[in-house]
């Protein structure tokens, strides 16, 4: 009598039925969720591809856009093949599997609650209103980009200023004569707001025209010759540029509030002694930080009141 056996691939196809039964959802839901492909008879639907996309898309930055969909599908095929192999080897009956399933079940429920209940609470109108409110409090400001040459005495500054006025290259003179750390960059200070520099310096810079040279001007650091490279007007960013960022902030605030409310209604017991000690230590450090911060804010407020 010949021994009967099933090839590994046939056994995967048969054992996939167990997963088919456990993953099958209501018929009504499946009608609006088309099957994209099958793996040994096990269906992979559009919703599963969407979930996988959300999971792995942030890690596919270097992959061309056209290659991402096939990559995600291949990822799911590999996952289903290994899952079917796990059923064949009875991994799904082990304690390790049950522990992992409990973790992923909680994760799945949390994500489903977030998508179905929390996310819809942050409406487009809320995002737009937040933008308009913040926009109304954002002042339009100017920032300058300048080069400078700094030397210790006025005589040297006057000589260099005369050389610049005659047409000598400003960056070259800065590299050869300037005494600060940006000399190697031709004296380029990058972009800055007026209050980021000492008043005497900013008064000169923000009254120059583009490519105009000013100075020499004295500050506590030395004598400066200044060239305005560019001037920008900075105001609120476009709604389209910050929409998703605002939505993420509102969602985070909503989640934090919901969690705080749930904690008040819940009983949470910490049973691990090491964890209890660590939490107490963290709380102590946070309390000390908050106390110092509150004291500093109080002193700052008192100083402002005294000035007024």
C-alpha atoms as a PDB file:
ATOM      1  CA  UNK A   1       0.000   0.000   0.000  1.00  0.00           C
ATOM      2  CA  UNK A   2       1.373   3.351  -1.029  1.00  0.00           C
ATOM      3  CA  UNK A   3       1.772   6.039   1.564  1.00  0.00           C
ATOM      4  CA  UNK A   4      -0.441   9.056   0.914  1.00  0.00           C
ATOM      5  CA  UNK A   5       0.868  12.545   1.402  1.00  0.00           C
ATOM      6  CA  UNK A   6       0.155  16.145   0.521  1.00  0.00           C
ATOM      7  CA  UNK A   7       2.779  18.423  -0.998  1.00  0.00           C
ATOM      8  CA  UNK A   8       3.680  21.557   0.995  1.00  0.00           C
ATOM      9  CA  UNK A   9       1.908  23.810  -1.513  1.00  0.00           C
ATOM     10  CA  UNK A  10      -1.238  21.685  -1.507  1.00  0.00           C
ATOM     11  CA  UNK A  11      -1.248  21.620   2.277  1.00  0.00           C
ATOM     12  CA  UNK A  12      -0.966  25.408   2.332  1.00  0.00           C
ATOM     13  CA  UNK A  13      -3.931  25.679  -0.007  1.00  0.00           C
ATOM     14  CA  UNK A  14      -6.012  23.385   2.196  1.00  0.00           C
ATOM     15  CA  UNK A  15      -4.978  24.961   5.477  1.00  0.00           C
ATOM     16  CA  UNK A  16      -5.673  28.420   4.101  1.00  0.00           C
ATOM     17  CA  UNK A  17      -9.336  27.510   4.494  1.00  0.00           C
ATOM     18  CA  UNK A  18      -8.943  27.961   8.245  1.00  0.00           C
ATOM     19  CA  UNK A  19      -7.831  31.511   7.711  1.00  0.00           C
ATOM     20  CA  UNK A  20     -10.539  32.091   5.112  1.00  0.00           C
ATOM     21  CA  UNK A  21     -13.195  31.197   7.669  1.00  0.00           C
ATOM     22  CA  UNK A  22     -11.702  33.315  10.456  1.00  0.00           C
ATOM     23  CA  UNK A  23     -11.135  36.354   8.231  1.00  0.00           C
ATOM     24  CA  UNK A  24     -14.440  36.281   6.392  1.00  0.00           C
ATOM     25  CA  UNK A  25     -16.637  39.291   7.171  1.00  0.00           C
ATOM     26  CA  UNK A  26     -20.304  40.089   6.565  1.00  0.00           C
ATOM     27  CA  UNK A  27     -21.446  39.648   2.978  1.00  0.00           C
ATOM     28  CA  UNK A  28     -22.654  43.242   2.767  1.00  0.00           C
ATOM     29  CA  UNK A  29     -19.243  44.621   3.734  1.00  0.00           C
ATOM     30  CA  UNK A  30     -17.465  42.316   1.274  1.00  0.00           C
ATOM     31  CA  UNK A  31     -19.579  43.527  -1.652  1.00  0.00           C
ATOM     32  CA  UNK A  32     -18.073  47.009  -1.334  1.00  0.00           C
ATOM     33  CA  UNK A  33     -14.608  45.571  -0.734  1.00  0.00           C
ATOM     34  CA  UNK A  34     -13.523  43.827  -3.946  1.00  0.00           C
ATOM     35  CA  UNK A  35     -11.087  40.906  -4.090  1.00  0.00           C
ATOM     36  CA  UNK A  36      -7.824  42.026  -5.705  1.00  0.00           C
ATOM     37  CA  UNK A  37      -6.035  38.655  -5.767  1.00  0.00           C
ATOM     38  CA  UNK A  38      -5.979  35.269  -4.075  1.00  0.00           C
ATOM     39  CA  UNK A  39      -3.147  33.288  -2.475  1.00  0.00           C
ATOM     40  CA  UNK A  40      -3.876  29.555  -2.470  1.00  0.00           C
ATOM     41  CA  UNK A  41      -7.543  30.447  -2.556  1.00  0.00           C
ATOM     42  CA  UNK A  42      -7.307  32.967   0.277  1.00  0.00           C
ATOM     43  CA  UNK A  43      -8.701  36.326  -0.744  1.00  0.00           C
ATOM     44  CA  UNK A  44      -6.818  39.591  -0.440  1.00  0.00           C
ATOM     45  CA  UNK A  45      -9.268  42.459  -0.615  1.00  0.00           C
ATOM     46  CA  UNK A  46      -8.846  46.156  -1.351  1.00  0.00           C
ATOM     47  CA  UNK A  47      -9.256  47.028   2.340  1.00  0.00           C
ATOM     48  CA  UNK A  48      -6.308  44.829   3.308  1.00  0.00           C
ATOM     49  CA  UNK A  49      -4.142  46.550   0.708  1.00  0.00           C
ATOM     50  CA  UNK A  50      -5.250  49.917   2.110  1.00  0.00           C
ATOM     51  CA  UNK A  51      -4.271  48.858   5.640  1.00  0.00           C
ATOM     52  CA  UNK A  52      -0.891  47.619   4.407  1.00  0.00           C
ATOM     53  CA  UNK A  53      -0.378  50.875   2.520  1.00  0.00           C
ATOM     54  CA  UNK A  54      -0.910  52.912   5.708  1.00  0.00           C
ATOM     55  CA  UNK A  55       1.488  50.618   7.557  1.00  0.00           C
ATOM     56  CA  UNK A  56       4.448  50.517   5.193  1.00  0.00           C
ATOM     57  CA  UNK A  57       4.103  53.555   2.917  1.00  0.00           C
ATOM     58  CA  UNK A  58       6.149  55.799   5.270  1.00  0.00           C
ATOM     59  CA  UNK A  59       9.061  53.393   4.744  1.00  0.00           C
ATOM     60  CA  UNK A  60       8.914  53.502   0.920  1.00  0.00           C
ATOM     61  CA  UNK A  61      10.183  57.040   0.405  1.00  0.00           C
ATOM     62  CA  UNK A  62      12.925  55.999  -2.032  1.00  0.00           C
ATOM     63  CA  UNK A  63      10.624  53.818  -4.137  1.00  0.00           C
ATOM     64  CA  UNK A  64       9.125  55.334  -7.344  1.00  0.00           C
ATOM     65  CA  UNK A  65       5.388  56.050  -7.006  1.00  0.00           C
ATOM     66  CA  UNK A  66       4.463  53.588  -9.766  1.00  0.00           C
ATOM     67  CA  UNK A  67       6.307  50.758  -8.016  1.00  0.00           C
ATOM     68  CA  UNK A  68       4.636  51.190  -4.622  1.00  0.00           C
ATOM     69  CA  UNK A  69       1.327  49.450  -5.312  1.00  0.00           C
ATOM     70  CA  UNK A  70       2.996  46.279  -6.709  1.00  0.00           C
ATOM     71  CA  UNK A  71       5.455  46.339  -3.806  1.00  0.00           C
ATOM     72  CA  UNK A  72       2.632  46.454  -1.256  1.00  0.00           C
ATOM     73  CA  UNK A  73       0.862  43.560  -3.014  1.00  0.00           C
ATOM     74  CA  UNK A  74       4.068  41.483  -2.992  1.00  0.00           C
ATOM     75  CA  UNK A  75       4.441  42.289   0.715  1.00  0.00           C
ATOM     76  CA  UNK A  76       0.939  40.933   1.367  1.00  0.00           C
ATOM     77  CA  UNK A  77       1.551  37.801  -0.728  1.00  0.00           C
ATOM     78  CA  UNK A  78       4.660  37.066   1.329  1.00  0.00           C
ATOM     79  CA  UNK A  79       2.756  37.652   4.558  1.00  0.00           C
ATOM     80  CA  UNK A  80      -0.116  35.369   3.549  1.00  0.00           C
ATOM     81  CA  UNK A  81       2.246  32.598   2.459  1.00  0.00           C
ATOM     82  CA  UNK A  82       4.014  32.681   5.813  1.00  0.00           C
ATOM     83  CA  UNK A  83       0.701  32.845   7.664  1.00  0.00           C
ATOM     84  CA  UNK A  84      -0.507  29.771   5.801  1.00  0.00           C
ATOM     85  CA  UNK A  85       2.757  28.002   6.627  1.00  0.00           C
ATOM     86  CA  UNK A  86       2.159  28.899  10.295  1.00  0.00           C
ATOM     87  CA  UNK A  87      -1.269  27.233  10.170  1.00  0.00           C
ATOM     88  CA  UNK A  88       0.281  24.161   8.532  1.00  0.00           C
ATOM     89  CA  UNK A  89       2.828  23.919  11.347  1.00  0.00           C
ATOM     90  CA  UNK A  90       0.107  24.529  13.980  1.00  0.00           C
ATOM     91  CA  UNK A  91       1.721  27.787  15.162  1.00  0.00           C
ATOM     92  CA  UNK A  92      -1.808  29.125  15.570  1.00  0.00           C
ATOM     93  CA  UNK A  93      -2.384  26.709  18.457  1.00  0.00           C
ATOM     94  CA  UNK A  94       0.609  27.846  20.515  1.00  0.00           C
ATOM     95  CA  UNK A  95       0.649  30.087  23.551  1.00  0.00           C
ATOM     96  CA  UNK A  96       3.096  32.439  21.817  1.00  0.00           C
ATOM     97  CA  UNK A  97       0.584  32.945  19.003  1.00  0.00           C
ATOM     98  CA  UNK A  98      -2.271  33.654  21.418  1.00  0.00           C
ATOM     99  CA  UNK A  99      -0.183  36.278  23.263  1.00  0.00           C
ATOM    100  CA  UNK A 100       0.720  37.972  19.987  1.00  0.00           C
ATOM    101  CA  UNK A 101      -2.897  37.876  18.825  1.00  0.00           C
ATOM    102  CA  UNK A 102      -4.036  39.583  22.027  1.00  0.00           C
ATOM    103  CA  UNK A 103      -1.530  42.388  21.431  1.00  0.00           C
ATOM    104  CA  UNK A 104      -2.575  42.870  17.785  1.00  0.00           C
ATOM    105  CA  UNK A 105      -6.261  42.652  18.639  1.00  0.00           C
ATOM    106  CA  UNK A 106      -5.927  45.578  21.048  1.00  0.00           C
ATOM    107  CA  UNK A 107      -3.866  47.462  18.435  1.00  0.00           C
ATOM    108  CA  UNK A 108      -6.475  46.813  15.737  1.00  0.00           C
ATOM    109  CA  UNK A 109      -9.325  47.936  18.004  1.00  0.00           C
ATOM    110  CA  UNK A 110      -7.457  51.102  18.936  1.00  0.00           C
ATOM    111  CA  UNK A 111      -6.779  51.938  15.283  1.00  0.00           C
ATOM    112  CA  UNK A 112     -10.371  51.176  14.273  1.00  0.00           C
ATOM    113  CA  UNK A 113     -11.694  53.405  17.083  1.00  0.00           C
ATOM    114  CA  UNK A 114      -9.286  56.159  16.078  1.00  0.00           C
ATOM    115  CA  UNK A 115     -10.347  55.983  12.404  1.00  0.00           C
ATOM    116  CA  UNK A 116     -14.084  55.555  12.994  1.00  0.00           C
ATOM    117  CA  UNK A 117     -14.732  57.712  16.078  1.00  0.00           C
ATOM    118  CA  UNK A 118     -11.907  60.154  16.763  1.00  0.00           C
ATOM    119  CA  UNK A 119     -10.672  61.212  13.334  1.00  0.00           C
ATOM    120  CA  UNK A 120     -14.132  62.309  12.064  1.00  0.00           C
ATOM    121  CA  UNK A 121     -14.469  64.634  15.072  1.00  0.00           C
ATOM    122  CA  UNK A 122     -11.728  66.838  13.627  1.00  0.00           C
ATOM    123  CA  UNK A 123     -13.676  68.361  10.756  1.00  0.00           C
ATOM    124  CA  UNK A 124     -12.456  70.439   7.826  1.00  0.00           C
ATOM    125  CA  UNK A 125     -14.225  73.442   9.371  1.00  0.00           C
ATOM    126  CA  UNK A 126     -12.290  72.993  12.635  1.00  0.00           C
ATOM    127  CA  UNK A 127      -9.000  72.874  10.743  1.00  0.00           C
ATOM    128  CA  UNK A 128      -9.880  75.970   8.710  1.00  0.00           C
ATOM    129  CA  UNK A 129     -11.061  77.906  11.791  1.00  0.00           C
ATOM    130  CA  UNK A 130      -7.846  77.052  13.649  1.00  0.00           C
ATOM    131  CA  UNK A 131      -5.796  78.268  10.686  1.00  0.00           C
ATOM    132  CA  UNK A 132      -7.725  81.542  10.417  1.00  0.00           C
ATOM    133  CA  UNK A 133      -7.443  82.167  14.166  1.00  0.00           C
ATOM    134  CA  UNK A 134      -3.680  81.583  14.190  1.00  0.00           C
ATOM    135  CA  UNK A 135      -3.263  83.537  10.981  1.00  0.00           C
ATOM    136  CA  UNK A 136      -4.978  86.569  12.494  1.00  0.00           C
ATOM    137  CA  UNK A 137      -2.452  86.648  15.347  1.00  0.00           C
ATOM    138  CA  UNK A 138       0.601  86.152  13.135  1.00  0.00           C
ATOM    139  CA  UNK A 139       2.349  89.402  12.298  1.00  0.00           C
ATOM    140  CA  UNK A 140       4.027  90.064   8.976  1.00  0.00           C
ATOM    141  CA  UNK A 141       7.750  90.428   9.616  1.00  0.00           C
ATOM    142  CA  UNK A 142      10.890  91.102   7.641  1.00  0.00           C
ATOM    143  CA  UNK A 143      14.070  89.090   7.770  1.00  0.00           C
ATOM    144  CA  UNK A 144      17.347  89.935   6.143  1.00  0.00           C
ATOM    145  CA  UNK A 145      20.252  88.006   4.746  1.00  0.00           C
ATOM    146  CA  UNK A 146      23.509  89.906   5.004  1.00  0.00           C
ATOM    147  CA  UNK A 147      27.270  89.637   4.773  1.00  0.00           C
ATOM    148  CA  UNK A 148      29.549  91.519   7.074  1.00  0.00           C
ATOM    149  CA  UNK A 149      33.194  92.238   7.663  1.00  0.00           C
ATOM    150  CA  UNK A 150      34.135  92.828  11.307  1.00  0.00           C
ATOM    151  CA  UNK A 151      37.440  94.305  12.473  1.00  0.00           C
ATOM    152  CA  UNK A 152      38.647  95.644  15.874  1.00  0.00           C
ATOM    153  CA  UNK A 153      39.185  99.333  14.968  1.00  0.00           C
ATOM    154  CA  UNK A 154      37.536 102.091  12.946  1.00  0.00           C
ATOM    155  CA  UNK A 155      40.634 102.916  10.859  1.00  0.00           C
ATOM    156  CA  UNK A 156      40.729  99.383   9.388  1.00  0.00           C
ATOM    157  CA  UNK A 157      36.961  99.431   8.895  1.00  0.00           C
ATOM    158  CA  UNK A 158      37.166 102.745   6.967  1.00  0.00           C
ATOM    159  CA  UNK A 159      39.905 101.333   4.709  1.00  0.00           C
ATOM    160  CA  UNK A 160      37.888  98.187   3.914  1.00  0.00           C
ATOM    161  CA  UNK A 161      34.707 100.198   3.351  1.00  0.00           C
ATOM    162  CA  UNK A 162      36.528 102.359   0.798  1.00  0.00           C
ATOM    163  CA  UNK A 163      37.809  99.217  -0.974  1.00  0.00           C
ATOM    164  CA  UNK A 164      34.277  97.807  -1.186  1.00  0.00           C
ATOM    165  CA  UNK A 165      32.983 101.103  -2.565  1.00  0.00           C
ATOM    166  CA  UNK A 166      35.655 100.980  -5.271  1.00  0.00           C
ATOM    167  CA  UNK A 167      34.227  97.637  -6.395  1.00  0.00           C
ATOM    168  CA  UNK A 168      36.428  95.060  -4.691  1.00  0.00           C
ATOM    169  CA  UNK A 169      34.758  91.733  -3.950  1.00  0.00           C
ATOM    170  CA  UNK A 170      33.013  91.850  -0.571  1.00  0.00           C
ATOM    171  CA  UNK A 171      33.262  88.106   0.131  1.00  0.00           C
ATOM    172  CA  UNK A 172      36.966  88.061  -0.735  1.00  0.00           C
ATOM    173  CA  UNK A 173      37.676  90.950   1.619  1.00  0.00           C
ATOM    174  CA  UNK A 174      35.672  89.229   4.377  1.00  0.00           C
ATOM    175  CA  UNK A 175      37.688  86.030   4.005  1.00  0.00           C
ATOM    176  CA  UNK A 176      40.956  87.943   4.121  1.00  0.00           C
ATOM    177  CA  UNK A 177      40.253  90.501   6.866  1.00  0.00           C
ATOM    178  CA  UNK A 178      37.162  89.673   8.938  1.00  0.00           C
ATOM    179  CA  UNK A 179      37.858  88.356  12.422  1.00  0.00           C
ATOM    180  CA  UNK A 180      34.796  86.217  13.226  1.00  0.00           C
ATOM    181  CA  UNK A 181      33.815  82.602  12.471  1.00  0.00           C
ATOM    182  CA  UNK A 182      31.805  83.386   9.302  1.00  0.00           C
ATOM    183  CA  UNK A 183      34.794  84.962   7.569  1.00  0.00           C
ATOM    184  CA  UNK A 184      35.467  81.676   5.776  1.00  0.00           C
ATOM    185  CA  UNK A 185      31.953  81.911   4.277  1.00  0.00           C
ATOM    186  CA  UNK A 186      32.580  85.355   2.893  1.00  0.00           C
ATOM    187  CA  UNK A 187      30.974  86.937   5.935  1.00  0.00           C
ATOM    188  CA  UNK A 188      27.581  85.395   5.156  1.00  0.00           C
ATOM    189  CA  UNK A 189      25.341  85.587   8.250  1.00  0.00           C
ATOM    190  CA  UNK A 190      22.365  83.851   6.666  1.00  0.00           C
ATOM    191  CA  UNK A 191      18.812  85.044   7.337  1.00  0.00           C
ATOM    192  CA  UNK A 192      17.903  86.768  10.606  1.00  0.00           C
ATOM    193  CA  UNK A 193      15.201  88.939  12.169  1.00  0.00           C
ATOM    194  CA  UNK A 194      16.084  92.378  13.504  1.00  0.00           C
ATOM    195  CA  UNK A 195      15.818  91.356  17.168  1.00  0.00           C
ATOM    196  CA  UNK A 196      18.332  88.545  16.652  1.00  0.00           C
ATOM    197  CA  UNK A 197      21.152  91.060  16.221  1.00  0.00           C
ATOM    198  CA  UNK A 198      22.315  93.963  18.371  1.00  0.00           C
ATOM    199  CA  UNK A 199      20.228  97.116  17.660  1.00  0.00           C
ATOM    200  CA  UNK A 200      23.058  99.173  16.111  1.00  0.00           C
ATOM    201  CA  UNK A 201      23.723  96.427  13.572  1.00  0.00           C
ATOM    202  CA  UNK A 202      20.063  95.818  12.699  1.00  0.00           C
ATOM    203  CA  UNK A 203      19.366  99.531  12.318  1.00  0.00           C
ATOM    204  CA  UNK A 204      21.876  99.637   9.468  1.00  0.00           C
ATOM    205  CA  UNK A 205      20.943  96.321   7.798  1.00  0.00           C
ATOM    206  CA  UNK A 206      17.178  96.854   7.734  1.00  0.00           C
ATOM    207  CA  UNK A 207      17.544 100.280   6.159  1.00  0.00           C
ATOM    208  CA  UNK A 208      19.678  99.121   3.235  1.00  0.00           C
ATOM    209  CA  UNK A 209      18.523  98.260  -0.280  1.00  0.00           C
ATOM    210  CA  UNK A 210      19.386  94.911  -1.816  1.00  0.00           C
ATOM    211  CA  UNK A 211      23.146  94.667  -2.626  1.00  0.00           C
ATOM    212  CA  UNK A 212      23.764  98.016  -0.910  1.00  0.00           C
ATOM    213  CA  UNK A 213      26.690  98.328   1.522  1.00  0.00           C
ATOM    214  CA  UNK A 214      26.434 100.153   4.847  1.00  0.00           C
ATOM    215  CA  UNK A 215      28.737 101.134   7.678  1.00  0.00           C
ATOM    216  CA  UNK A 216      31.118 101.228   9.230  1.00  0.00           C
ATOM    217  CA  UNK A 217      29.002 100.744  12.339  1.00  0.00           C
ATOM    218  CA  UNK A 218      30.296 100.104  15.849  1.00  0.00           C
ATOM    219  CA  UNK A 219      28.851  97.453  18.184  1.00  0.00           C
ATOM    220  CA  UNK A 220      30.169  95.826  21.331  1.00  0.00           C
ATOM    221  CA  UNK A 221      31.795  93.197  19.043  1.00  0.00           C
ATOM    222  CA  UNK A 222      33.793  95.589  16.872  1.00  0.00           C
ATOM    223  CA  UNK A 223      33.431  97.637  13.691  1.00  0.00           C
ATOM    224  CA  UNK A 224      31.211  96.239  10.905  1.00  0.00           C
ATOM    225  CA  UNK A 225      30.823  96.821   7.206  1.00  0.00           C
ATOM    226  CA  UNK A 226      27.526  95.330   6.040  1.00  0.00           C
ATOM    227  CA  UNK A 227      26.097  94.236   2.699  1.00  0.00           C
ATOM    228  CA  UNK A 228      22.393  93.393   2.336  1.00  0.00           C
ATOM    229  CA  UNK A 229      22.063  90.262   0.200  1.00  0.00           C
ATOM    230  CA  UNK A 230      18.296  89.747   0.409  1.00  0.00           C
ATOM    231  CA  UNK A 231      15.208  90.898   2.294  1.00  0.00           C
ATOM    232  CA  UNK A 232      12.129  88.707   2.785  1.00  0.00           C
ATOM    233  CA  UNK A 233       8.653  89.427   4.076  1.00  0.00           C
ATOM    234  CA  UNK A 234       7.565  86.544   6.275  1.00  0.00           C
ATOM    235  CA  UNK A 235       3.912  86.000   7.136  1.00  0.00           C
ATOM    236  CA  UNK A 236       1.444  83.156   7.667  1.00  0.00           C
ATOM    237  CA  UNK A 237       1.970  80.126   5.435  1.00  0.00           C
ATOM    238  CA  UNK A 238      -0.695  79.053   2.937  1.00  0.00           C
ATOM    239  CA  UNK A 239      -3.517  76.909   4.286  1.00  0.00           C
ATOM    240  CA  UNK A 240      -2.655  74.063   1.903  1.00  0.00           C
ATOM    241  CA  UNK A 241       0.899  73.938   3.277  1.00  0.00           C
ATOM    242  CA  UNK A 242      -0.143  73.571   6.916  1.00  0.00           C
ATOM    243  CA  UNK A 243      -3.548  71.864   6.706  1.00  0.00           C
ATOM    244  CA  UNK A 244      -2.342  68.357   7.549  1.00  0.00           C
ATOM    245  CA  UNK A 245      -0.081  69.638  10.306  1.00  0.00           C
ATOM    246  CA  UNK A 246      -2.982  71.491  11.946  1.00  0.00           C
ATOM    247  CA  UNK A 247      -5.194  68.406  11.635  1.00  0.00           C
ATOM    248  CA  UNK A 248      -2.518  66.256  13.290  1.00  0.00           C
ATOM    249  CA  UNK A 249      -2.196  68.726  16.188  1.00  0.00           C
ATOM    250  CA  UNK A 250      -5.977  68.857  16.718  1.00  0.00           C
ATOM    251  CA  UNK A 251      -6.176  65.063  16.610  1.00  0.00           C
ATOM    252  CA  UNK A 252      -3.373  64.716  19.141  1.00  0.00           C
ATOM    253  CA  UNK A 253      -5.092  67.188  21.474  1.00  0.00           C
ATOM    254  CA  UNK A 254      -8.385  65.323  21.075  1.00  0.00           C
ATOM    255  CA  UNK A 255      -6.771  61.959  21.821  1.00  0.00           C
ATOM    256  CA  UNK A 256      -5.012  63.355  24.894  1.00  0.00           C
ATOM    257  CA  UNK A 257      -8.304  64.744  26.216  1.00  0.00           C
ATOM    258  CA  UNK A 258     -10.163  61.486  25.576  1.00  0.00           C
ATOM    259  CA  UNK A 259      -7.446  59.439  27.264  1.00  0.00           C
ATOM    260  CA  UNK A 260      -7.460  61.787  30.273  1.00  0.00           C
ATOM    261  CA  UNK A 261     -11.247  61.419  30.551  1.00  0.00           C
ATOM    262  CA  UNK A 262     -11.083  57.621  30.251  1.00  0.00           C
ATOM    263  CA  UNK A 263      -8.372  57.440  32.909  1.00  0.00           C
ATOM    264  CA  UNK A 264     -10.619  59.282  35.370  1.00  0.00           C
ATOM    265  CA  UNK A 265     -13.313  56.656  34.826  1.00  0.00           C
ATOM    266  CA  UNK A 266     -10.932  53.695  34.921  1.00  0.00           C
ATOM    267  CA  UNK A 267      -9.071  51.704  37.539  1.00  0.00           C
ATOM    268  CA  UNK A 268      -5.429  51.189  36.611  1.00  0.00           C
ATOM    269  CA  UNK A 269      -3.286  49.064  38.913  1.00  0.00           C
ATOM    270  CA  UNK A 270       0.490  48.857  38.634  1.00  0.00           C
ATOM    271  CA  UNK A 271       1.708  45.492  39.926  1.00  0.00           C
ATOM    272  CA  UNK A 272       5.383  45.524  38.947  1.00  0.00           C
ATOM    273  CA  UNK A 273       7.520  46.994  41.777  1.00  0.00           C
ATOM    274  CA  UNK A 274      10.255  48.245  39.445  1.00  0.00           C
ATOM    275  CA  UNK A 275       7.674  50.019  37.292  1.00  0.00           C
ATOM    276  CA  UNK A 276       6.128  51.630  40.380  1.00  0.00           C
ATOM    277  CA  UNK A 277       9.537  52.972  41.467  1.00  0.00           C
ATOM    278  CA  UNK A 278      10.378  54.246  37.976  1.00  0.00           C
ATOM    279  CA  UNK A 279       7.040  56.034  37.668  1.00  0.00           C
ATOM    280  CA  UNK A 280       7.525  57.669  41.073  1.00  0.00           C
ATOM    281  CA  UNK A 281      10.997  58.861  40.053  1.00  0.00           C
ATOM    282  CA  UNK A 282       9.715  60.284  36.751  1.00  0.00           C
ATOM    283  CA  UNK A 283       6.831  62.045  38.525  1.00  0.00           C
ATOM    284  CA  UNK A 284       9.251  63.586  41.016  1.00  0.00           C
ATOM    285  CA  UNK A 285      11.452  64.934  38.225  1.00  0.00           C
ATOM    286  CA  UNK A 286       8.460  66.316  36.319  1.00  0.00           C
ATOM    287  CA  UNK A 287       7.102  67.998  39.458  1.00  0.00           C
ATOM    288  CA  UNK A 288      10.494  69.604  40.143  1.00  0.00           C
ATOM    289  CA  UNK A 289      10.712  70.852  36.554  1.00  0.00           C
ATOM    290  CA  UNK A 290       7.177  72.286  36.663  1.00  0.00           C
ATOM    291  CA  UNK A 291       7.895  74.006  39.980  1.00  0.00           C
ATOM    292  CA  UNK A 292      11.018  75.700  38.583  1.00  0.00           C
ATOM    293  CA  UNK A 293       9.191  76.658  35.383  1.00  0.00           C
ATOM    294  CA  UNK A 294       6.253  78.172  37.312  1.00  0.00           C
ATOM    295  CA  UNK A 295       8.648  80.116  39.533  1.00  0.00           C
ATOM    296  CA  UNK A 296      10.528  81.473  36.519  1.00  0.00           C
ATOM    297  CA  UNK A 297       7.261  82.531  34.848  1.00  0.00           C
ATOM    298  CA  UNK A 298       6.131  84.206  38.082  1.00  0.00           C
ATOM    299  CA  UNK A 299       9.382  86.161  38.343  1.00  0.00           C
ATOM    300  CA  UNK A 300       9.186  87.155  34.680  1.00  0.00           C
ATOM    301  CA  UNK A 301       5.624  88.420  35.153  1.00  0.00           C
ATOM    302  CA  UNK A 302       6.665  90.426  38.209  1.00  0.00           C
ATOM    303  CA  UNK A 303       9.528  92.015  36.280  1.00  0.00           C
ATOM    304  CA  UNK A 304       7.192  92.979  33.426  1.00  0.00           C
ATOM    305  CA  UNK A 305       4.735  94.532  35.898  1.00  0.00           C
ATOM    306  CA  UNK A 306       7.525  96.544  37.513  1.00  0.00           C
ATOM    307  CA  UNK A 307       8.603  97.880  34.104  1.00  0.00           C
ATOM    308  CA  UNK A 308       5.040  98.965  33.334  1.00  0.00           C
END
